[in-house]
PDB file of N, CA and C in Angstrom:
ATOM      1  N   MET A   1     105.577  21.625   9.426  1.00  0.00           N
ATOM      2  CA  MET A   1     106.652  22.396   8.846  1.00  0.00           C
ATOM      3  C   MET A   1     107.970  21.942   9.468  1.00  0.00           C
ATOM      4  N   ALA A   2     108.936  21.598   8.640  1.00  0.00           N
ATOM      5  CA  ALA A   2     110.247  21.138   9.104  1.00  0.00           C
ATOM      6  C   ALA A   2     111.257  22.278   9.040  1.00  0.00           C
ATOM      7  N   THR A   3     112.264  22.173   9.884  1.00  0.00           N
ATOM      8  CA  THR A   3     113.330  23.167   9.911  1.00  0.00           C
ATOM      9  C   THR A   3     114.654  22.488   9.596  1.00  0.00           C
ATOM     10  N   VAL A   4     115.418  23.098   8.702  1.00  0.00           N
ATOM     11  CA  VAL A   4     116.756  22.636   8.354  1.00  0.00           C
ATOM     12  C   VAL A   4     117.740  23.600   8.995  1.00  0.00           C
ATOM     13  N   SER A   5     118.747  23.061   9.671  1.00  0.00           N
ATOM     14  CA  SER A   5     119.760  23.882  10.322  1.00  0.00           C
ATOM     15  C   SER A   5     121.128  23.274  10.046  1.00  0.00           C
ATOM     16  N   VAL A   6     121.985  24.036   9.369  1.00  0.00           N
ATOM     17  CA  VAL A   6     123.327  23.567   9.039  1.00  0.00           C
ATOM     18  C   VAL A   6     124.331  24.629   9.484  1.00  0.00           C
ATOM     19  N   CYS A   7     125.313  24.213  10.272  1.00  0.00           N
ATOM     20  CA  CYS A   7     126.407  25.085  10.685  1.00  0.00           C
ATOM     21  C   CYS A   7     127.675  24.533  10.029  1.00  0.00           C
ATOM     22  N   TYR A   8     128.338  25.352   9.223  1.00  0.00           N
ATOM     23  CA  TYR A   8     129.483  24.892   8.452  1.00  0.00           C
ATOM     24  C   TYR A   8     130.708  25.744   8.781  1.00  0.00           C
ATOM     25  N   PRO A   9     131.765  25.147   9.320  1.00  0.00           N
ATOM     26  CA  PRO A   9     132.983  25.920   9.610  1.00  0.00           C
ATOM     27  C   PRO A   9     133.760  26.221   8.333  1.00  0.00           C
ATOM     28  N   HIS A  10     134.411  27.374   8.291  1.00  0.00           N
ATOM     29  CA  HIS A  10     135.257  27.726   7.143  1.00  0.00           C
ATOM     30  C   HIS A  10     136.481  28.481   7.627  1.00  0.00           C
ATOM     31  N   LYS A  11     137.492  28.560   6.760  1.00  0.00           N
ATOM     32  CA  LYS A  11     138.741  29.249   7.097  1.00  0.00           C
ATOM     33  C   LYS A  11     138.998  30.420   6.165  1.00  0.00           C
ATOM     34  N   ARG A  12     137.959  30.953   5.587  1.00  0.00           N
ATOM     35  CA  ARG A  12     138.083  32.072   4.655  1.00  0.00           C
ATOM     36  C   ARG A  12     137.792  33.388   5.362  1.00  0.00           C
ATOM     37  N   SER A  13     138.233  34.467   4.730  1.00  0.00           N
ATOM     38  CA  SER A  13     137.856  35.786   5.240  1.00  0.00           C
ATOM     39  C   SER A  13     136.367  35.984   4.970  1.00  0.00           C
ATOM     40  N   LEU A  14     135.763  36.956   5.635  1.00  0.00           N
ATOM     41  CA  LEU A  14     134.339  37.220   5.388  1.00  0.00           C
ATOM     42  C   LEU A  14     134.102  37.609   3.929  1.00  0.00           C
ATOM     43  N   ALA A  15     135.027  38.372   3.340  1.00  0.00           N
ATOM     44  CA  ALA A  15     134.874  38.762   1.932  1.00  0.00           C
ATOM     45  C   ALA A  15     134.903  37.545   1.015  1.00  0.00           C
ATOM     46  N   GLU A  16     135.822  36.611   1.276  1.00  0.00           N
ATOM     47  CA  GLU A  16     135.901  35.386   0.467  1.00  0.00           C
ATOM     48  C   GLU A  16     134.662  34.513   0.680  1.00  0.00           C
ATOM     49  N   ALA A  17     134.211  34.415   1.920  1.00  0.00           N
ATOM     50  CA  ALA A  17     133.010  33.625   2.217  1.00  0.00           C
ATOM     51  C   ALA A  17     131.790  34.246   1.549  1.00  0.00           C
ATOM     52  N   ARG A  18     131.709  35.568   1.546  1.00  0.00           N
ATOM     53  CA  ARG A  18     130.582  36.248   0.903  1.00  0.00           C
ATOM     54  C   ARG A  18     130.594  36.011  -0.609  1.00  0.00           C
ATOM     55  N   SER A  19     131.765  36.052  -1.209  1.00  0.00           N
ATOM     56  CA  SER A  19     131.886  35.776  -2.644  1.00  0.00           C
ATOM     57  C   SER A  19     131.442  34.346  -2.961  1.00  0.00           C
ATOM     58  N   ALA A  20     131.851  33.394  -2.132  1.00  0.00           N
ATOM     59  CA  ALA A  20     131.431  31.998  -2.321  1.00  0.00           C
ATOM     60  C   ALA A  20     129.922  31.870  -2.149  1.00  0.00           C
ATOM     61  N   ALA A  21     129.367  32.577  -1.162  1.00  0.00           N
ATOM     62  CA  ALA A  21     127.913  32.542  -0.935  1.00  0.00           C
ATOM     63  C   ALA A  21     127.170  33.151  -2.117  1.00  0.00           C
ATOM     64  N   ASP A  22     127.725  34.196  -2.728  1.00  0.00           N
ATOM     65  CA  ASP A  22     127.109  34.792  -3.918  1.00  0.00           C
ATOM     66  C   ASP A  22     127.067  33.797  -5.070  1.00  0.00           C
ATOM     67  N   THR A  23     128.149  33.052  -5.252  1.00  0.00           N
ATOM     68  CA  THR A  23     128.190  32.028  -6.306  1.00  0.00           C
ATOM     69  C   THR A  23     127.139  30.954  -6.036  1.00  0.00           C
ATOM     70  N   PHE A  24     127.074  30.500  -4.792  1.00  0.00           N
ATOM     71  CA  PHE A  24     126.080  29.512  -4.371  1.00  0.00           C
ATOM     72  C   PHE A  24     124.669  30.043  -4.622  1.00  0.00           C
ATOM     73  N   ALA A  25     124.425  31.301  -4.268  1.00  0.00           N
ATOM     74  CA  ALA A  25     123.101  31.917  -4.443  1.00  0.00           C
ATOM     75  C   ALA A  25     122.708  31.999  -5.907  1.00  0.00           C
ATOM     76  N   SER A  26     123.674  32.333  -6.768  1.00  0.00           N
ATOM     77  CA  SER A  26     123.346  32.425  -8.196  1.00  0.00           C
ATOM     78  C   SER A  26     122.946  31.060  -8.746  1.00  0.00           C
ATOM     79  N   LYS A  27     123.558  29.991  -8.241  1.00  0.00           N
ATOM     80  CA  LYS A  27     123.173  28.632  -8.651  1.00  0.00           C
ATOM     81  C   LYS A  27     121.764  28.309  -8.153  1.00  0.00           C
ATOM     82  N   LEU A  28     121.450  28.707  -6.900  1.00  0.00           N
ATOM     83  CA  LEU A  28     120.105  28.476  -6.364  1.00  0.00           C
ATOM     84  C   LEU A  28     119.051  29.212  -7.179  1.00  0.00           C
ATOM     85  N   GLN A  29     119.359  30.432  -7.568  1.00  0.00           N
ATOM     86  CA  GLN A  29     118.411  31.214  -8.367  1.00  0.00           C
ATOM     87  C   GLN A  29     118.192  30.571  -9.727  1.00  0.00           C
ATOM     88  N   ALA A  30     119.275  30.164 -10.373  1.00  0.00           N
ATOM     89  CA  ALA A  30     119.173  29.595 -11.715  1.00  0.00           C
ATOM     90  C   ALA A  30     118.477  28.233 -11.723  1.00  0.00           C
ATOM     91  N   LYS A  31     118.817  27.368 -10.783  1.00  0.00           N
ATOM     92  CA  LYS A  31     118.299  25.999 -10.791  1.00  0.00           C
ATOM     93  C   LYS A  31     116.948  25.844 -10.098  1.00  0.00           C
ATOM     94  N   LEU A  32     116.731  26.601  -9.019  1.00  0.00           N
ATOM     95  CA  LEU A  32     115.541  26.362  -8.193  1.00  0.00           C
ATOM     96  C   LEU A  32     114.621  27.563  -8.046  1.00  0.00           C
ATOM     97  N   GLY A  33     114.983  28.693  -8.626  1.00  0.00           N
ATOM     98  CA  GLY A  33     114.144  29.878  -8.513  1.00  0.00           C
ATOM     99  C   GLY A  33     114.123  30.491  -7.126  1.00  0.00           C
ATOM    100  N   VAL A  34     115.201  30.293  -6.365  1.00  0.00           N
ATOM    101  CA  VAL A  34     115.293  30.855  -5.018  1.00  0.00           C
ATOM    102  C   VAL A  34     115.691  32.318  -5.119  1.00  0.00           C
ATOM    103  N   ASN A  35     114.932  33.189  -4.470  1.00  0.00           N
ATOM    104  CA  ASN A  35     115.270  34.613  -4.416  1.00  0.00           C
ATOM    105  C   ASN A  35     116.199  34.838  -3.242  1.00  0.00           C
ATOM    106  N   CYS A  36     117.318  35.517  -3.492  1.00  0.00           N
ATOM    107  CA  CYS A  36     118.334  35.748  -2.473  1.00  0.00           C
ATOM    108  C   CYS A  36     118.637  37.240  -2.391  1.00  0.00           C
ATOM    109  N   ALA A  37     118.790  37.757  -1.173  1.00  0.00           N
ATOM    110  CA  ALA A  37     119.116  39.166  -0.978  1.00  0.00           C
ATOM    111  C   ALA A  37     119.934  39.328   0.299  1.00  0.00           C
ATOM    112  N   TRP A  38     120.975  40.155   0.220  1.00  0.00           N
ATOM    113  CA  TRP A  38     121.818  40.422   1.382  1.00  0.00           C
ATOM    114  C   TRP A  38     121.234  41.537   2.233  1.00  0.00           C
ATOM    115  N   GLN A  39     121.341  41.374   3.536  1.00  0.00           N
ATOM    116  CA  GLN A  39     121.071  42.415   4.531  1.00  0.00           C
ATOM    117  C   GLN A  39     122.222  42.300   5.516  1.00  0.00           C
ATOM    118  N   GLY A  40     123.252  43.123   5.331  1.00  0.00           N
ATOM    119  CA  GLY A  40     124.469  42.986   6.142  1.00  0.00           C
ATOM    120  C   GLY A  40     125.158  41.682   5.798  1.00  0.00           C
ATOM    121  N   ASP A  41     125.442  40.863   6.801  1.00  0.00           N
ATOM    122  CA  ASP A  41     126.076  39.561   6.586  1.00  0.00           C
ATOM    123  C   ASP A  41     125.070  38.415   6.573  1.00  0.00           C
ATOM    124  N   THR A  42     123.795  38.746   6.359  1.00  0.00           N
ATOM    125  CA  THR A  42     122.732  37.751   6.291  1.00  0.00           C
ATOM    126  C   THR A  42     122.087  37.774   4.911  1.00  0.00           C
ATOM    127  N   MET A  43     122.039  36.600   4.286  1.00  0.00           N
ATOM    128  CA  MET A  43     121.376  36.460   2.994  1.00  0.00           C
ATOM    129  C   MET A  43     120.026  35.796   3.229  1.00  0.00           C
ATOM    130  N   THR A  44     118.946  36.463   2.844  1.00  0.00           N
ATOM    131  CA  THR A  44     117.632  35.837   2.938  1.00  0.00           C
ATOM    132  C   THR A  44     117.426  34.942   1.724  1.00  0.00           C
ATOM    133  N   LEU A  45     116.773  33.821   1.944  1.00  0.00           N
ATOM    134  CA  LEU A  45     116.513  32.826   0.901  1.00  0.00           C
ATOM    135  C   LEU A  45     115.013  32.551   0.892  1.00  0.00           C
ATOM    136  N   GLU A  46     114.369  32.762  -0.261  1.00  0.00           N
ATOM    137  CA  GLU A  46     112.929  32.551  -0.339  1.00  0.00           C
ATOM    138  C   GLU A  46     112.518  31.981  -1.685  1.00  0.00           C
ATOM    139  N   ARG A  47     111.563  31.091  -1.622  1.00  0.00           N
ATOM    140  CA  ARG A  47     110.833  30.606  -2.788  1.00  0.00           C
ATOM    141  C   ARG A  47     109.601  29.912  -2.253  1.00  0.00           C
ATOM    142  N   GLN A  48     108.689  29.572  -3.105  1.00  0.00           N
ATOM    143  CA  GLN A  48     107.466  28.915  -2.632  1.00  0.00           C
ATOM    144  C   GLN A  48     107.832  27.640  -1.876  1.00  0.00           C
ATOM    145  N   GLY A  49     107.363  27.541  -0.632  1.00  0.00           N
ATOM    146  CA  GLY A  49     107.603  26.359   0.179  1.00  0.00           C
ATOM    147  C   GLY A  49     108.875  26.384   1.005  1.00  0.00           C
ATOM    148  N   VAL A  50     109.704  27.435   0.850  1.00  0.00           N
ATOM    149  CA  VAL A  50     110.960  27.532   1.588  1.00  0.00           C
ATOM    150  C   VAL A  50     111.225  28.995   1.933  1.00  0.00           C
ATOM    151  N   ASN A  51     111.638  29.240   3.176  1.00  0.00           N
ATOM    152  CA  ASN A  51     112.204  30.548   3.497  1.00  0.00           C
ATOM    153  C   ASN A  51     113.217  30.359   4.597  1.00  0.00           C
ATOM    154  N   GLY A  52     114.215  31.231   4.591  1.00  0.00           N
ATOM    155  CA  GLY A  52     115.259  31.111   5.599  1.00  0.00           C
ATOM    156  C   GLY A  52     116.371  32.096   5.347  1.00  0.00           C
ATOM    157  N   GLU A  53     117.537  31.767   5.900  1.00  0.00           N
ATOM    158  CA  GLU A  53     118.665  32.673   5.778  1.00  0.00           C
ATOM    159  C   GLU A  53     119.980  31.932   5.882  1.00  0.00           C
ATOM    160  N   LEU A  54     120.988  32.561   5.299  1.00  0.00           N
ATOM    161  CA  LEU A  54     122.370  32.129   5.395  1.00  0.00           C
ATOM    162  C   LEU A  54     123.098  33.268   6.095  1.00  0.00           C
ATOM    163  N   VAL A  55     123.744  32.971   7.229  1.00  0.00           N
ATOM    164  CA  VAL A  55     124.415  34.002   8.016  1.00  0.00           C
ATOM    165  C   VAL A  55     125.915  33.736   7.995  1.00  0.00           C
ATOM    166  N   LEU A  56     126.684  34.745   7.572  1.00  0.00           N
ATOM    167  CA  LEU A  56     128.143  34.658   7.562  1.00  0.00           C
ATOM    168  C   LEU A  56     128.693  35.159   8.887  1.00  0.00           C
ATOM    169  N   ASN A  57     129.571  34.380   9.476  1.00  0.00           N
ATOM    170  CA  ASN A  57     130.295  34.772  10.685  1.00  0.00           C
ATOM    171  C   ASN A  57     131.769  34.462  10.471  1.00  0.00           C
ATOM    172  N   ASP A  58     132.627  35.033  11.295  1.00  0.00           N
ATOM    173  CA  ASP A  58     134.039  34.649  11.245  1.00  0.00           C
ATOM    174  C   ASP A  58     134.144  33.173  11.574  1.00  0.00           C
ATOM    175  N   GLY A  59     134.642  32.383  10.632  1.00  0.00           N
ATOM    176  CA  GLY A  59     134.878  30.969  10.882  1.00  0.00           C
ATOM    177  C   GLY A  59     133.718  30.026  10.681  1.00  0.00           C
ATOM    178  N   GLU A  60     132.514  30.541  10.388  1.00  0.00           N
ATOM    179  CA  GLU A  60     131.400  29.624  10.136  1.00  0.00           C
ATOM    180  C   GLU A  60     130.279  30.296   9.352  1.00  0.00           C
ATOM    181  N   VAL A  61     129.511  29.440   8.699  1.00  0.00           N
ATOM    182  CA  VAL A  61     128.302  29.852   7.985  1.00  0.00           C
ATOM    183  C   VAL A  61     127.152  29.065   8.602  1.00  0.00           C
ATOM    184  N   ASN A  62     126.064  29.754   8.894  1.00  0.00           N
ATOM    185  CA  ASN A  62     124.866  29.102   9.423  1.00  0.00           C
ATOM    186  C   ASN A  62     123.736  29.240   8.421  1.00  0.00           C
ATOM    187  N   VAL A  63     123.110  28.125   8.098  1.00  0.00           N
ATOM    188  CA  VAL A  63     121.965  28.117   7.197  1.00  0.00           C
ATOM    189  C   VAL A  63     120.761  27.595   7.978  1.00  0.00           C
ATOM    190  N   GLN A  64     119.693  28.374   7.975  1.00  0.00           N
ATOM    191  CA  GLN A  64     118.450  28.008   8.637  1.00  0.00           C
ATOM    192  C   GLN A  64     117.328  28.124   7.602  1.00  0.00           C
ATOM    193  N   LEU A  65     116.577  27.055   7.400  1.00  0.00           N
ATOM    194  CA  LEU A  65     115.471  27.064   6.451  1.00  0.00           C
ATOM    195  C   LEU A  65     114.216  26.498   7.106  1.00  0.00           C
ATOM    196  N   LYS A  66     113.083  27.067   6.761  1.00  0.00           N
ATOM    197  CA  LYS A  66     111.789  26.507   7.138  1.00  0.00           C
ATOM    198  C   LYS A  66     111.176  25.944   5.867  1.00  0.00           C
ATOM    199  N   LEU A  67     110.826  24.674   5.917  1.00  0.00           N
ATOM    200  CA  LEU A  67     110.272  23.986   4.755  1.00  0.00           C
ATOM    201  C   LEU A  67     108.763  23.869   4.895  1.00  0.00           C
ATOM    202  N   GLY A  68     108.066  24.144   3.812  1.00  0.00           N
ATOM    203  CA  GLY A  68     106.622  23.957   3.798  1.00  0.00           C
ATOM    204  C   GLY A  68     106.270  22.475   3.808  1.00  0.00           C
ATOM    205  N   MET A  69     104.981  22.192   3.871  1.00  0.00           N
ATOM    206  CA  MET A  69     104.509  20.809   3.965  1.00  0.00           C
ATOM    207  C   MET A  69     104.981  19.928   2.816  1.00  0.00           C
ATOM    208  N   MET A  70     105.015  20.483   1.612  1.00  0.00           N
ATOM    209  CA  MET A  70     105.385  19.670   0.454  1.00  0.00           C
ATOM    210  C   MET A  70     106.868  19.262   0.485  1.00  0.00           C
ATOM    211  N   LEU A  71     107.721  20.097   1.063  1.00  0.00           N
ATOM    212  CA  LEU A  71     109.157  19.800   1.087  1.00  0.00           C
ATOM    213  C   LEU A  71     109.617  19.156   2.393  1.00  0.00           C
ATOM    214  N   SER A  72     108.780  19.166   3.412  1.00  0.00           N
ATOM    215  CA  SER A  72     109.169  18.596   4.709  1.00  0.00           C
ATOM    216  C   SER A  72     109.662  17.150   4.619  1.00  0.00           C
ATOM    217  N   PRO A  73     109.042  16.284   3.804  1.00  0.00           N
ATOM    218  CA  PRO A  73     109.539  14.912   3.707  1.00  0.00           C
ATOM    219  C   PRO A  73     110.957  14.814   3.120  1.00  0.00           C
ATOM    220  N   MET A  74     111.416  15.881   2.482  1.00  0.00           N
ATOM    221  CA  MET A  74     112.741  15.884   1.845  1.00  0.00           C
ATOM    222  C   MET A  74     113.798  16.548   2.721  1.00  0.00           C
ATOM    223  N   LYS A  75     113.493  16.759   3.998  1.00  0.00           N
ATOM    224  CA  LYS A  75     114.400  17.476   4.901  1.00  0.00           C
ATOM    225  C   LYS A  75     115.817  16.899   4.882  1.00  0.00           C
ATOM    226  N   GLY A  76     115.957  15.602   5.020  1.00  0.00           N
ATOM    227  CA  GLY A  76     117.278  14.961   5.046  1.00  0.00           C
ATOM    228  C   GLY A  76     118.055  15.182   3.767  1.00  0.00           C
ATOM    229  N   GLN A  77     117.372  15.051   2.644  1.00  0.00           N
ATOM    230  CA  GLN A  77     118.017  15.262   1.354  1.00  0.00           C
ATOM    231  C   GLN A  77     118.461  16.716   1.192  1.00  0.00           C
ATOM    232  N   ILE A  78     117.632  17.642   1.648  1.00  0.00           N
ATOM    233  CA  ILE A  78     117.950  19.063   1.540  1.00  0.00           C
ATOM    234  C   ILE A  78     119.151  19.394   2.418  1.00  0.00           C
ATOM    235  N   GLU A  79     119.185  18.876   3.648  1.00  0.00           N
ATOM    236  CA  GLU A  79     120.342  19.102   4.532  1.00  0.00           C
ATOM    237  C   GLU A  79     121.621  18.557   3.906  1.00  0.00           C
ATOM    238  N   SER A  80     121.550  17.362   3.353  1.00  0.00           N
ATOM    239  CA  SER A  80     122.722  16.750   2.721  1.00  0.00           C
ATOM    240  C   SER A  80     123.209  17.577   1.542  1.00  0.00           C
ATOM    241  N   GLU A  81     122.284  18.079   0.739  1.00  0.00           N
ATOM    242  CA  GLU A  81     122.660  18.875  -0.422  1.00  0.00           C
ATOM    243  C   GLU A  81     123.262  20.215  -0.010  1.00  0.00           C
ATOM    244  N   ILE A  82     122.724  20.846   1.013  1.00  0.00           N
ATOM    245  CA  ILE A  82     123.309  22.097   1.517  1.00  0.00           C
ATOM    246  C   ILE A  82     124.735  21.838   1.986  1.00  0.00           C
ATOM    247  N   GLN A  83     124.933  20.768   2.741  1.00  0.00           N
ATOM    248  CA  GLN A  83     126.276  20.420   3.228  1.00  0.00           C
ATOM    249  C   GLN A  83     127.225  20.191   2.051  1.00  0.00           C
ATOM    250  N   ARG A  84     126.761  19.478   1.050  1.00  0.00           N
ATOM    251  CA  ARG A  84     127.588  19.191  -0.134  1.00  0.00           C
ATOM    252  C   ARG A  84     127.972  20.473  -0.862  1.00  0.00           C
ATOM    253  N   GLN A  85     127.005  21.380  -1.016  1.00  0.00           N
ATOM    254  CA  GLN A  85     127.275  22.637  -1.718  1.00  0.00           C
ATOM    255  C   GLN A  85     128.206  23.541  -0.905  1.00  0.00           C
ATOM    256  N   LEU A  86     128.049  23.564   0.413  1.00  0.00           N
ATOM    257  CA  LEU A  86     128.966  24.345   1.237  1.00  0.00           C
ATOM    258  C   LEU A  86     130.376  23.779   1.164  1.00  0.00           C
ATOM    259  N   ASP A  87     130.502  22.455   1.130  1.00  0.00           N
ATOM    260  CA  ASP A  87     131.817  21.828   0.932  1.00  0.00           C
ATOM    261  C   ASP A  87     132.427  22.293  -0.390  1.00  0.00           C
ATOM    262  N   LYS A  88     131.596  22.312  -1.415  1.00  0.00           N
ATOM    263  CA  LYS A  88     132.063  22.684  -2.755  1.00  0.00           C
ATOM    264  C   LYS A  88     132.511  24.140  -2.818  1.00  0.00           C
ATOM    265  N   TYR A  89     131.765  25.053  -2.232  1.00  0.00           N
ATOM    266  CA  TYR A  89     132.049  26.472  -2.376  1.00  0.00           C
ATOM    267  C   TYR A  89     132.920  27.052  -1.258  1.00  0.00           C
ATOM    268  N   LEU A  90     132.898  26.441  -0.079  1.00  0.00           N
ATOM    269  CA  LEU A  90     133.676  26.995   1.033  1.00  0.00           C
ATOM    270  C   LEU A  90     134.776  26.065   1.537  1.00  0.00           C
ATOM    271  N   GLY A  91     134.747  24.816   1.098  1.00  0.00           N
ATOM    272  CA  GLY A  91     135.716  23.835   1.580  1.00  0.00           C
ATOM    273  C   GLY A  91     137.094  23.998   1.012  1.00  0.00           C
TER     274      GLY A  91
END
């Protein structure tokens, strides 16, 4: 099982960052079937073969994912795509 860890700095307010994360989450749900739910400033992310969370903090977003065996070989690609999407929505 592989772990993906991305820390992304941002200059938005928590409300703006949360709105951007909601937009990102809706894309994940539509394209990949990822279930997303907020608990405070933490969004849980789950689908078959992946579980983790996106945590909003002042000045940064942290994404932690655990990948199942089938997705572990794609760890690098998944990290790159998360970084690209965070650039798009929070950059």
